[in-house]
Amino acid sequence: MDRGDDFHLVEVLQPGPYNKAHIKGAINIPFTKMGERARETFEKDDEIVVYCADTECQASPRAAEKLDAMGYVHVYDYEAGKADWMDAGYPVESA
């Protein structure tokens, strides 16, 4: 983010947790809606970074697998998620 790279940052939790606090600049696509919304939002060669709550949360690994299976080629999972981001003191925003 600091380098200004062009990528999509996606929180895959439900709208409630996203609205409470999310990484600045992230969009919300809940894991359960990833299949339909990805087609509307991303190109196959877009860089996509997904995250969820923390290392215990399985939503972002599952979302990354789903995107990979759909043919997206640059998908990354920020495994430590929102908890790690906030613990580091990085900015979050609320909706």
N, C-alpha and C. Protein backbone atom coordinates (compact mmCIF):
# COMPACT_ATOMS: atom_id res chain seq x y z
N MET A 1 0.82 -1.19 0.00
CA MET A 1 0.00 0.00 0.00
C MET A 1 0.87 1.26 0.00
N ASP A 2 1.94 1.23 0.79
CA ASP A 2 2.82 2.39 0.85
C ASP A 2 3.49 2.68 -0.48
N ARG A 3 3.72 1.64 -1.29
CA ARG A 3 4.35 1.82 -2.60
C ARG A 3 3.37 2.34 -3.65
N GLY A 4 2.08 2.33 -3.31
CA GLY A 4 1.09 2.77 -4.27
C GLY A 4 0.73 1.74 -5.31
N ASP A 5 1.01 0.47 -5.01
CA ASP A 5 0.68 -0.60 -5.95
C ASP A 5 -0.83 -0.63 -6.21
N ASP A 6 -1.18 -1.03 -7.42
CA ASP A 6 -2.58 -1.11 -7.82
C ASP A 6 -3.09 -2.52 -7.51
N PHE A 7 -3.95 -2.64 -6.51
CA PHE A 7 -4.53 -3.93 -6.15
C PHE A 7 -5.87 -3.70 -5.46
N HIS A 8 -6.63 -4.77 -5.36
CA HIS A 8 -7.91 -4.73 -4.67
C HIS A 8 -7.72 -5.36 -3.29
N LEU A 9 -8.09 -4.64 -2.26
CA LEU A 9 -8.04 -5.14 -0.89
C LEU A 9 -9.47 -5.46 -0.48
N VAL A 10 -9.71 -6.71 -0.09
CA VAL A 10 -11.07 -7.19 0.14
C VAL A 10 -11.21 -7.83 1.51
N GLU A 11 -12.09 -7.27 2.34
CA GLU A 11 -12.45 -7.93 3.59
C GLU A 11 -13.59 -8.89 3.27
N VAL A 12 -13.42 -10.16 3.67
CA VAL A 12 -14.39 -11.19 3.30
C VAL A 12 -15.34 -11.54 4.45
N LEU A 13 -15.33 -10.74 5.51
CA LEU A 13 -16.27 -10.94 6.61
C LEU A 13 -17.63 -10.37 6.22
N GLN A 14 -18.63 -10.63 7.04
CA GLN A 14 -19.97 -10.11 6.80
C GLN A 14 -19.98 -8.59 6.98
N PRO A 15 -21.01 -7.90 6.50
CA PRO A 15 -21.06 -6.44 6.58
C PRO A 15 -20.94 -5.86 8.00
N GLY A 16 -21.48 -6.52 9.00
CA GLY A 16 -21.41 -5.99 10.36
C GLY A 16 -19.98 -5.73 10.83
N PRO A 17 -19.12 -6.74 10.83
CA PRO A 17 -17.72 -6.51 11.23
C PRO A 17 -16.99 -5.54 10.31
N TYR A 18 -17.30 -5.59 9.03
CA TYR A 18 -16.68 -4.65 8.08
C TYR A 18 -17.07 -3.21 8.42
N ASN A 19 -18.36 -2.99 8.66
CA ASN A 19 -18.84 -1.64 8.96
C ASN A 19 -18.26 -1.10 10.26
N LYS A 20 -18.02 -1.99 11.21
CA LYS A 20 -17.46 -1.57 12.51
C LYS A 20 -16.04 -1.05 12.33
N ALA A 21 -15.21 -1.77 11.61
CA ALA A 21 -13.83 -1.36 11.34
C ALA A 21 -13.26 -2.23 10.23
N HIS A 22 -12.64 -1.59 9.27
CA HIS A 22 -11.96 -2.31 8.19
C HIS A 22 -10.69 -1.57 7.82
N ILE A 23 -9.77 -2.28 7.18
CA ILE A 23 -8.53 -1.66 6.74
C ILE A 23 -8.88 -0.56 5.74
N LYS A 24 -8.26 0.59 5.94
CA LYS A 24 -8.53 1.74 5.10
C LYS A 24 -8.36 1.38 3.63
N GLY A 25 -9.40 1.66 2.85
CA GLY A 25 -9.38 1.39 1.42
C GLY A 25 -9.94 0.04 1.01
N ALA A 26 -10.25 -0.81 1.98
CA ALA A 26 -10.78 -2.14 1.66
C ALA A 26 -12.24 -2.06 1.22
N ILE A 27 -12.61 -2.97 0.33
CA ILE A 27 -14.01 -3.15 -0.02
C ILE A 27 -14.50 -4.41 0.70
N ASN A 28 -15.80 -4.55 0.79
CA ASN A 28 -16.39 -5.70 1.48
C ASN A 28 -17.09 -6.61 0.48
N ILE A 29 -16.59 -7.82 0.40
CA ILE A 29 -17.28 -8.88 -0.34
C ILE A 29 -17.27 -10.09 0.58
N PRO A 30 -18.39 -10.36 1.27
CA PRO A 30 -18.42 -11.52 2.15
C PRO A 30 -18.09 -12.80 1.38
N PHE A 31 -17.42 -13.72 2.06
CA PHE A 31 -17.03 -14.98 1.43
C PHE A 31 -18.21 -15.64 0.74
N THR A 32 -19.38 -15.61 1.36
CA THR A 32 -20.56 -16.27 0.81
C THR A 32 -21.02 -15.67 -0.51
N LYS A 33 -20.57 -14.46 -0.83
CA LYS A 33 -20.97 -13.79 -2.07
C LYS A 33 -19.81 -13.66 -3.06
N MET A 34 -18.67 -14.23 -2.72
CA MET A 34 -17.46 -14.03 -3.51
C MET A 34 -17.62 -14.46 -4.97
N GLY A 35 -18.24 -15.59 -5.22
CA GLY A 35 -18.37 -16.09 -6.59
C GLY A 35 -19.07 -15.11 -7.51
N GLU A 36 -20.23 -14.64 -7.10
CA GLU A 36 -20.99 -13.74 -7.97
C GLU A 36 -20.39 -12.34 -8.03
N ARG A 37 -19.93 -11.82 -6.91
CA ARG A 37 -19.40 -10.45 -6.88
C ARG A 37 -18.03 -10.34 -7.54
N ALA A 38 -17.22 -11.39 -7.48
CA ALA A 38 -15.89 -11.32 -8.10
C ALA A 38 -16.01 -11.08 -9.60
N ARG A 39 -16.94 -11.77 -10.23
CA ARG A 39 -17.12 -11.61 -11.68
C ARG A 39 -17.49 -10.17 -12.05
N GLU A 40 -18.24 -9.50 -11.16
CA GLU A 40 -18.68 -8.13 -11.40
C GLU A 40 -17.59 -7.10 -11.09
N THR A 41 -16.63 -7.48 -10.26
CA THR A 41 -15.70 -6.51 -9.69
C THR A 41 -14.28 -6.59 -10.24
N PHE A 42 -13.81 -7.80 -10.55
CA PHE A 42 -12.39 -7.99 -10.88
C PHE A 42 -12.20 -8.53 -12.30
N GLU A 43 -11.04 -8.22 -12.86
CA GLU A 43 -10.56 -8.84 -14.08
C GLU A 43 -9.69 -10.03 -13.66
N LYS A 44 -9.55 -11.01 -14.52
CA LYS A 44 -8.80 -12.24 -14.18
C LYS A 44 -7.35 -11.97 -13.81
N ASP A 45 -6.74 -10.90 -14.34
CA ASP A 45 -5.34 -10.63 -14.04
C ASP A 45 -5.14 -9.54 -12.97
N ASP A 46 -6.22 -9.10 -12.32
CA ASP A 46 -6.10 -8.13 -11.23
C ASP A 46 -5.37 -8.74 -10.04
N GLU A 47 -4.67 -7.90 -9.30
CA GLU A 47 -4.06 -8.33 -8.05
C GLU A 47 -5.11 -8.15 -6.96
N ILE A 48 -5.39 -9.23 -6.22
CA ILE A 48 -6.44 -9.23 -5.20
C ILE A 48 -5.85 -9.74 -3.90
N VAL A 49 -6.03 -8.95 -2.83
CA VAL A 49 -5.60 -9.35 -1.50
C VAL A 49 -6.85 -9.48 -0.64
N VAL A 50 -7.07 -10.67 -0.09
CA VAL A 50 -8.22 -10.90 0.76
C VAL A 50 -7.75 -11.04 2.21
N TYR A 51 -8.63 -10.66 3.14
CA TYR A 51 -8.32 -10.84 4.55
C TYR A 51 -9.61 -11.01 5.33
N CYS A 52 -9.47 -11.58 6.53
CA CYS A 52 -10.60 -11.68 7.44
C CYS A 52 -10.16 -11.22 8.83
N ALA A 53 -10.64 -11.84 9.89
CA ALA A 53 -10.42 -11.32 11.24
C ALA A 53 -9.00 -11.56 11.76
N ASP A 54 -8.53 -12.79 11.68
CA ASP A 54 -7.24 -13.15 12.28
C ASP A 54 -6.81 -14.51 11.75
N THR A 55 -5.74 -15.07 12.31
CA THR A 55 -5.22 -16.35 11.80
C THR A 55 -6.18 -17.50 12.05
N GLU A 56 -7.08 -17.37 13.01
CA GLU A 56 -8.06 -18.43 13.29
C GLU A 56 -9.21 -18.43 12.28
N CYS A 57 -9.44 -17.32 11.65
CA CYS A 57 -10.54 -17.16 10.70
C CYS A 57 -10.21 -17.90 9.41
N GLN A 58 -11.14 -18.67 8.91
CA GLN A 58 -10.92 -19.44 7.68
C GLN A 58 -11.59 -18.83 6.45
N ALA A 59 -12.24 -17.69 6.61
CA ALA A 59 -12.94 -17.08 5.47
C ALA A 59 -11.99 -16.62 4.38
N SER A 60 -10.88 -15.98 4.74
CA SER A 60 -9.99 -15.49 3.69
C SER A 60 -9.24 -16.62 2.97
N PRO A 61 -8.76 -17.66 3.67
CA PRO A 61 -8.15 -18.75 2.90
C PRO A 61 -9.15 -19.40 1.94
N ARG A 62 -10.38 -19.55 2.37
CA ARG A 62 -11.40 -20.14 1.51
C ARG A 62 -11.73 -19.22 0.34
N ALA A 63 -11.77 -17.90 0.59
CA ALA A 63 -12.02 -16.94 -0.49
C ALA A 63 -10.89 -16.97 -1.51
N ALA A 64 -9.65 -17.04 -1.03
CA ALA A 64 -8.51 -17.10 -1.94
C ALA A 64 -8.56 -18.36 -2.79
N GLU A 65 -8.91 -19.48 -2.19
CA GLU A 65 -9.04 -20.74 -2.94
C GLU A 65 -10.14 -20.64 -3.99
N LYS A 66 -11.25 -20.02 -3.62
CA LYS A 66 -12.37 -19.88 -4.55
C LYS A 66 -11.96 -19.00 -5.73
N LEU A 67 -11.31 -17.88 -5.45
CA LEU A 67 -10.86 -16.99 -6.53
C LEU A 67 -9.86 -17.71 -7.44
N ASP A 68 -8.96 -18.45 -6.85
CA ASP A 68 -7.98 -19.22 -7.62
C ASP A 68 -8.69 -20.22 -8.54
N ALA A 69 -9.68 -20.91 -7.99
CA ALA A 69 -10.43 -21.90 -8.76
C ALA A 69 -11.24 -21.24 -9.89
N MET A 70 -11.59 -19.97 -9.70
CA MET A 70 -12.33 -19.24 -10.72
C MET A 70 -11.42 -18.68 -11.82
N GLY A 71 -10.11 -18.86 -11.65
CA GLY A 71 -9.18 -18.43 -12.69
C GLY A 71 -8.47 -17.12 -12.44
N TYR A 72 -8.64 -16.53 -11.27
CA TYR A 72 -7.90 -15.32 -10.94
C TYR A 72 -6.47 -15.72 -10.62
N VAL A 73 -5.50 -15.01 -11.19
CA VAL A 73 -4.12 -15.49 -11.15
C VAL A 73 -3.22 -14.79 -10.15
N HIS A 74 -3.66 -13.67 -9.59
CA HIS A 74 -2.84 -12.92 -8.63
C HIS A 74 -3.64 -12.71 -7.35
N VAL A 75 -3.84 -13.77 -6.60
CA VAL A 75 -4.64 -13.73 -5.38
C VAL A 75 -3.74 -14.01 -4.19
N TYR A 76 -3.87 -13.16 -3.17
CA TYR A 76 -3.06 -13.29 -1.96
C TYR A 76 -3.95 -13.22 -0.74
N ASP A 77 -3.60 -13.98 0.27
CA ASP A 77 -4.35 -14.00 1.53
C ASP A 77 -3.50 -13.35 2.62
N TYR A 78 -3.98 -12.26 3.18
CA TYR A 78 -3.33 -11.64 4.34
C TYR A 78 -3.83 -12.43 5.55
N GLU A 79 -3.13 -13.51 5.85
CA GLU A 79 -3.58 -14.50 6.82
C GLU A 79 -3.79 -13.95 8.23
N ALA A 80 -2.96 -13.02 8.66
CA ALA A 80 -3.08 -12.48 10.02
C ALA A 80 -4.26 -11.53 10.15
N GLY A 81 -4.73 -10.99 9.07
CA GLY A 81 -5.97 -10.25 9.00
C GLY A 81 -6.04 -8.94 9.76
N LYS A 82 -7.30 -8.56 10.00
CA LYS A 82 -7.60 -7.27 10.59
C LYS A 82 -7.01 -7.12 11.98
N ALA A 83 -6.98 -8.18 12.77
CA ALA A 83 -6.42 -8.09 14.12
C ALA A 83 -4.95 -7.70 14.07
N ASP A 84 -4.19 -8.32 13.18
CA ASP A 84 -2.77 -8.00 13.04
C ASP A 84 -2.59 -6.55 12.61
N TRP A 85 -3.38 -6.12 11.66
CA TRP A 85 -3.31 -4.76 11.14
C TRP A 85 -3.55 -3.75 12.27
N MET A 86 -4.60 -3.98 13.03
CA MET A 86 -4.95 -3.06 14.12
C MET A 86 -3.91 -3.12 15.25
N ASP A 87 -3.41 -4.30 15.57
CA ASP A 87 -2.38 -4.43 16.60
C ASP A 87 -1.12 -3.66 16.23
N ALA A 88 -0.84 -3.56 14.94
CA ALA A 88 0.33 -2.82 14.47
C ALA A 88 0.11 -1.31 14.47
N GLY A 89 -1.14 -0.90 14.74
CA GLY A 89 -1.45 0.53 14.79
C GLY A 89 -1.73 1.18 13.44
N TYR A 90 -1.97 0.36 12.43
CA TYR A 90 -2.28 0.90 11.11
C TYR A 90 -3.72 1.41 11.07
N PRO A 91 -4.02 2.31 10.13
CA PRO A 91 -5.35 2.94 10.11
C PRO A 91 -6.47 2.00 9.68
N VAL A 92 -7.59 2.16 10.36
CA VAL A 92 -8.84 1.50 9.98
C VAL A 92 -9.89 2.59 9.83
N GLU A 93 -10.95 2.24 9.16
CA GLU A 93 -12.07 3.16 9.03
C GLU A 93 -13.36 2.39 9.25
N SER A 94 -14.43 3.11 9.48
CA SER A 94 -15.72 2.46 9.67
C SER A 94 -16.70 3.03 8.65
N ALA A 95 -17.73 2.25 8.39
CA ALA A 95 -18.71 2.67 7.40
C ALA A 95 -19.88 3.36 8.07
